[in-house]
Amino acid sequence: MSRRESLSLDEFALAARRQAPAGDDHRRSNNLEAHRGLDSPLHGPRDPRHEARKALRRMKRERVKGETCFVNVNLDRPTKRRLKLASFNAETSMQAIMEQAILKYLDDLGL
């Protein structure tokens, strides 16, 4: 076949589509709704485990809310290397060392 020749759609063998049994559309839509978690008052009650998980997640968010705040600190490579080594030697996290250093600095300033 040369570059100029092209194939037509009739030259390809196409498989016939599989026909779904009658009534399968309703069952398929129910499965999709259950899989997506699209439970609303129109579709019936939700799973109690799902509700418990949501309540637990909400409770954890409320407890943590206001407690944590992230601060991005730009460190040069030697300082970051020293911090990483110190956290490894002390078997603690870099975050804990940074928190202690910031608290000490603020205490020294009297703030």
Protein backbone atom coordinates (compact mmCIF):
# COMPACT_ATOMS: atom_id res chain seq x y z
CA MET A 1 0.00 0.00 0.00
CA SER A 2 1.44 3.37 -0.92
CA ARG A 3 1.15 6.58 1.01
CA ARG A 4 -1.65 7.87 -1.16
CA GLU A 5 -3.83 4.83 -0.74
CA SER A 6 -6.19 4.92 2.19
CA LEU A 7 -8.46 2.39 3.80
CA SER A 8 -12.17 2.84 3.92
CA LEU A 9 -14.31 2.02 6.91
CA ASP A 10 -15.88 -0.87 5.00
CA GLU A 11 -12.54 -2.68 4.91
CA PHE A 12 -12.38 -3.07 8.69
CA ALA A 13 -14.14 -5.93 10.43
CA LEU A 14 -16.39 -4.61 13.18
CA ALA A 15 -17.90 -6.71 15.95
CA ALA A 16 -21.59 -6.34 16.64
CA ARG A 17 -22.52 -4.64 19.89
CA ARG A 18 -23.71 -6.86 22.69
CA GLN A 19 -27.35 -6.31 23.47
CA ALA A 20 -28.26 -5.75 27.13
CA PRO A 21 -31.17 -7.76 28.51
CA ALA A 22 -34.40 -5.87 29.16
CA GLY A 23 -34.59 -4.22 32.58
CA ASP A 24 -30.79 -4.04 32.86
CA ASP A 25 -30.81 -0.23 32.57
CA HIS A 26 -32.60 0.17 35.92
CA ARG A 27 -30.22 -2.22 37.68
CA ARG A 28 -27.17 -0.53 36.14
CA SER A 29 -28.32 2.96 37.25
CA ASN A 30 -28.87 1.66 40.80
CA ASN A 31 -25.36 0.17 40.83
CA LEU A 32 -23.85 3.43 39.60
CA GLU A 33 -25.65 5.46 42.27
CA ALA A 34 -24.58 3.06 45.01
CA HIS A 35 -21.00 3.03 43.73
CA ARG A 36 -20.78 6.83 43.58
CA GLY A 37 -22.38 7.30 46.97
CA LEU A 38 -25.16 9.44 45.57
CA ASP A 39 -27.54 8.78 48.39
CA SER A 40 -30.07 11.50 48.93
CA PRO A 41 -33.45 11.54 50.63
CA LEU A 42 -34.90 10.59 47.24
CA HIS A 43 -32.73 7.47 46.95
CA GLY A 44 -33.11 6.12 50.48
CA PRO A 45 -31.14 6.12 53.74
CA ARG A 46 -27.36 6.08 53.84
CA ASP A 47 -25.22 3.34 55.28
CA PRO A 48 -24.74 3.90 59.06
CA ARG A 49 -21.02 3.13 58.72
CA HIS A 50 -20.70 5.84 56.11
CA GLU A 51 -22.44 8.33 58.37
CA ALA A 52 -20.22 7.32 61.32
CA ARG A 53 -17.08 7.82 59.21
CA LYS A 54 -18.28 11.25 58.12
CA ALA A 55 -19.06 12.23 61.72
CA LEU A 56 -15.63 11.04 62.89
CA ARG A 57 -13.92 12.99 60.11
CA ARG A 58 -15.92 16.11 61.06
CA MET A 59 -15.01 15.67 64.74
CA LYS A 60 -11.30 15.32 63.92
CA ARG A 61 -11.40 18.43 61.73
CA GLU A 62 -13.05 20.44 64.48
CA ARG A 63 -10.48 19.26 67.03
CA VAL A 64 -7.53 20.08 64.78
CA LYS A 65 -9.04 23.32 63.49
CA GLY A 66 -7.06 26.23 64.84
CA GLU A 67 -4.37 24.02 66.33
CA THR A 68 -2.13 23.63 63.31
CA CYS A 69 -0.83 26.21 60.93
CA PHE A 70 1.85 25.73 58.31
CA VAL A 71 4.73 28.13 57.79
CA ASN A 72 6.95 27.79 54.77
CA VAL A 73 10.58 28.47 55.62
CA ASN A 74 13.16 28.92 52.90
CA LEU A 75 16.44 27.40 54.14
CA ASP A 76 19.80 27.28 52.41
CA ARG A 77 21.22 23.85 51.69
CA PRO A 78 23.81 23.70 54.52
CA THR A 79 21.21 24.71 57.13
CA LYS A 80 18.71 22.18 55.81
CA ARG A 81 21.42 19.48 55.87
CA ARG A 82 22.28 20.34 59.49
CA LEU A 83 18.61 20.30 60.47
CA LYS A 84 18.11 16.93 58.80
CA LEU A 85 21.19 15.50 60.52
CA ALA A 86 20.09 16.88 63.90
CA SER A 87 16.63 15.34 63.52
CA PHE A 88 18.19 12.01 62.59
CA ASN A 89 20.63 12.06 65.54
CA ALA A 90 17.96 13.16 68.03
CA GLU A 91 15.46 10.68 66.54
CA THR A 92 12.84 13.38 66.23
CA SER A 93 11.25 15.26 63.35
CA MET A 94 12.58 18.41 61.74
CA GLN A 95 9.25 20.01 62.57
CA ALA A 96 9.74 19.41 66.30
CA ILE A 97 13.20 21.01 66.18
CA MET A 98 11.84 24.01 64.27
CA GLU A 99 8.97 24.41 66.75
CA GLN A 100 11.36 24.32 69.72
CA ALA A 101 13.71 26.82 68.06
CA ILE A 102 10.87 29.23 67.27
CA LEU A 103 9.42 28.96 70.79
CA LYS A 104 12.85 29.59 72.33
CA TYR A 105 13.38 32.62 70.09
CA LEU A 106 9.96 34.06 70.95
CA ASP A 107 10.51 33.42 74.67
CA ASP A 108 13.88 35.20 74.53
CA LEU A 109 12.15 38.20 72.97
CA GLY A 110 9.46 38.09 75.65
CA LEU A 111 6.63 37.59 73.20
